[in-house]
Amino acid sequence: MAPRNDVPRARPKNSPFRDQPPVVPTVYEVGERVTHDRHGLGTVVRLDDDRVDVRFGAQTVSLSTSSTRLHPL
């Protein structure tokens, strides 16, 4: 049996096994308009270290700044 080559194989661009780029948290500001995949349009009302409070109509939701569902407008 031939020895195993320890060099990682190149994977195609669309492979689900490729290393995913790290998620970079977006910087938000109070009063900024955002959209959320579940809650819809909202406005940033408060900032914490890695959390952001967003007002969606009558409710305020605390979300992570690295959430992939939260997008600035």
C-alpha atoms as a PDB file:
ATOM      1  CA  MET A   1       0.000   0.000   0.000  1.00  0.00           C
ATOM      2  CA  ALA A   2       1.315   3.451  -0.928  1.00  0.00           C
ATOM      3  CA  PRO A   3       1.893   6.040   1.829  1.00  0.00           C
ATOM      4  CA  ARG A   4      -0.821   8.617   2.302  1.00  0.00           C
ATOM      5  CA  ASN A   5      -0.084  12.127   1.069  1.00  0.00           C
ATOM      6  CA  ASP A   6      -0.592  14.634   3.920  1.00  0.00           C
ATOM      7  CA  VAL A   7      -1.194  17.571   1.573  1.00  0.00           C
ATOM      8  CA  PRO A   8      -4.888  18.598   1.656  1.00  0.00           C
ATOM      9  CA  ARG A   9      -6.715  18.205  -1.625  1.00  0.00           C
ATOM     10  CA  ALA A  10      -8.068  21.249  -3.425  1.00  0.00           C
ATOM     11  CA  ARG A  11     -11.853  21.402  -3.245  1.00  0.00           C
ATOM     12  CA  PRO A  12     -14.151  22.897  -5.895  1.00  0.00           C
ATOM     13  CA  LYS A  13     -15.461  26.444  -5.312  1.00  0.00           C
ATOM     14  CA  ASN A  14     -19.030  25.248  -4.742  1.00  0.00           C
ATOM     15  CA  SER A  15     -18.091  22.414  -2.366  1.00  0.00           C
ATOM     16  CA  PRO A  16     -19.976  22.478   0.957  1.00  0.00           C
ATOM     17  CA  PHE A  17     -16.779  21.216   2.635  1.00  0.00           C
ATOM     18  CA  ARG A  18     -14.693  24.291   1.834  1.00  0.00           C
ATOM     19  CA  ASP A  19     -13.637  26.454   4.751  1.00  0.00           C
ATOM     20  CA  GLN A  20     -16.207  29.198   5.243  1.00  0.00           C
ATOM     21  CA  PRO A  21     -14.918  32.763   5.650  1.00  0.00           C
ATOM     22  CA  PRO A  22     -15.317  34.090   9.201  1.00  0.00           C
ATOM     23  CA  VAL A  23     -18.409  36.183   9.886  1.00  0.00           C
ATOM     24  CA  VAL A  24     -17.412  39.800  10.467  1.00  0.00           C
ATOM     25  CA  PRO A  25     -19.924  41.653  12.667  1.00  0.00           C
ATOM     26  CA  THR A  26     -21.393  44.762  11.093  1.00  0.00           C
ATOM     27  CA  VAL A  27     -21.030  48.056  12.965  1.00  0.00           C
ATOM     28  CA  TYR A  28     -24.436  49.614  13.646  1.00  0.00           C
ATOM     29  CA  GLU A  29     -25.397  53.095  14.846  1.00  0.00           C
ATOM     30  CA  VAL A  30     -28.402  54.242  16.881  1.00  0.00           C
ATOM     31  CA  GLY A  31     -31.156  55.402  14.534  1.00  0.00           C
ATOM     32  CA  GLU A  32     -29.918  53.286  11.613  1.00  0.00           C
ATOM     33  CA  ARG A  33     -32.544  51.463   9.577  1.00  0.00           C
ATOM     34  CA  VAL A  34     -32.134  47.694   9.287  1.00  0.00           C
ATOM     35  CA  THR A  35     -34.043  44.731   7.964  1.00  0.00           C
ATOM     36  CA  HIS A  36     -34.389  41.295   9.531  1.00  0.00           C
ATOM     37  CA  ASP A  37     -35.364  38.118   7.675  1.00  0.00           C
ATOM     38  CA  ARG A  38     -38.097  37.286  10.214  1.00  0.00           C
ATOM     39  CA  HIS A  39     -39.143  40.627  11.775  1.00  0.00           C
ATOM     40  CA  GLY A  40     -38.916  42.922   8.732  1.00  0.00           C
ATOM     41  CA  LEU A  41     -37.928  46.607   8.822  1.00  0.00           C
ATOM     42  CA  GLY A  42     -36.693  48.153  12.040  1.00  0.00           C
ATOM     43  CA  THR A  43     -34.629  50.905  13.655  1.00  0.00           C
ATOM     44  CA  VAL A  44     -31.618  50.457  15.950  1.00  0.00           C
ATOM     45  CA  VAL A  45     -32.479  51.901  19.374  1.00  0.00           C
ATOM     46  CA  ARG A  46     -29.609  50.718  21.603  1.00  0.00           C
ATOM     47  CA  LEU A  47     -26.118  49.257  21.268  1.00  0.00           C
ATOM     48  CA  ASP A  48     -24.279  46.920  23.645  1.00  0.00           C
ATOM     49  CA  ASP A  49     -20.921  45.197  23.192  1.00  0.00           C
ATOM     50  CA  ASP A  50     -21.994  42.469  20.771  1.00  0.00           C
ATOM     51  CA  ARG A  51     -25.775  43.019  20.868  1.00  0.00           C
ATOM     52  CA  VAL A  52     -28.076  45.511  19.216  1.00  0.00           C
ATOM     53  CA  ASP A  53     -31.664  46.329  20.225  1.00  0.00           C
ATOM     54  CA  VAL A  54     -33.907  46.916  17.231  1.00  0.00           C
ATOM     55  CA  ARG A  55     -37.461  48.279  17.289  1.00  0.00           C
ATOM     56  CA  PHE A  56     -39.765  46.452  14.880  1.00  0.00           C
ATOM     57  CA  GLY A  57     -43.108  48.229  15.059  1.00  0.00           C
ATOM     58  CA  ALA A  58     -44.446  47.732  18.601  1.00  0.00           C
ATOM     59  CA  GLN A  59     -41.764  45.307  19.816  1.00  0.00           C
ATOM     60  CA  THR A  60     -38.060  45.665  20.552  1.00  0.00           C
ATOM     61  CA  VAL A  61     -35.805  42.681  19.868  1.00  0.00           C
ATOM     62  CA  SER A  62     -32.227  42.169  21.096  1.00  0.00           C
ATOM     63  CA  LEU A  63     -30.061  40.606  18.372  1.00  0.00           C
ATOM     64  CA  SER A  64     -26.422  39.647  17.968  1.00  0.00           C
ATOM     65  CA  THR A  65     -24.383  41.945  15.722  1.00  0.00           C
ATOM     66  CA  SER A  66     -23.026  38.858  13.962  1.00  0.00           C
ATOM     67  CA  SER A  67     -26.522  37.584  13.080  1.00  0.00           C
ATOM     68  CA  THR A  68     -26.758  36.532   9.443  1.00  0.00           C
ATOM     69  CA  ARG A  69     -30.459  37.496   9.411  1.00  0.00           C
ATOM     70  CA  LEU A  70     -29.865  41.186  10.254  1.00  0.00           C
ATOM     71  CA  HIS A  71     -28.899  43.503   7.374  1.00  0.00           C
ATOM     72  CA  PRO A  72     -28.238  47.267   7.318  1.00  0.00           C
ATOM     73  CA  LEU A  73     -30.102  49.353   4.731  1.00  0.00           C
END
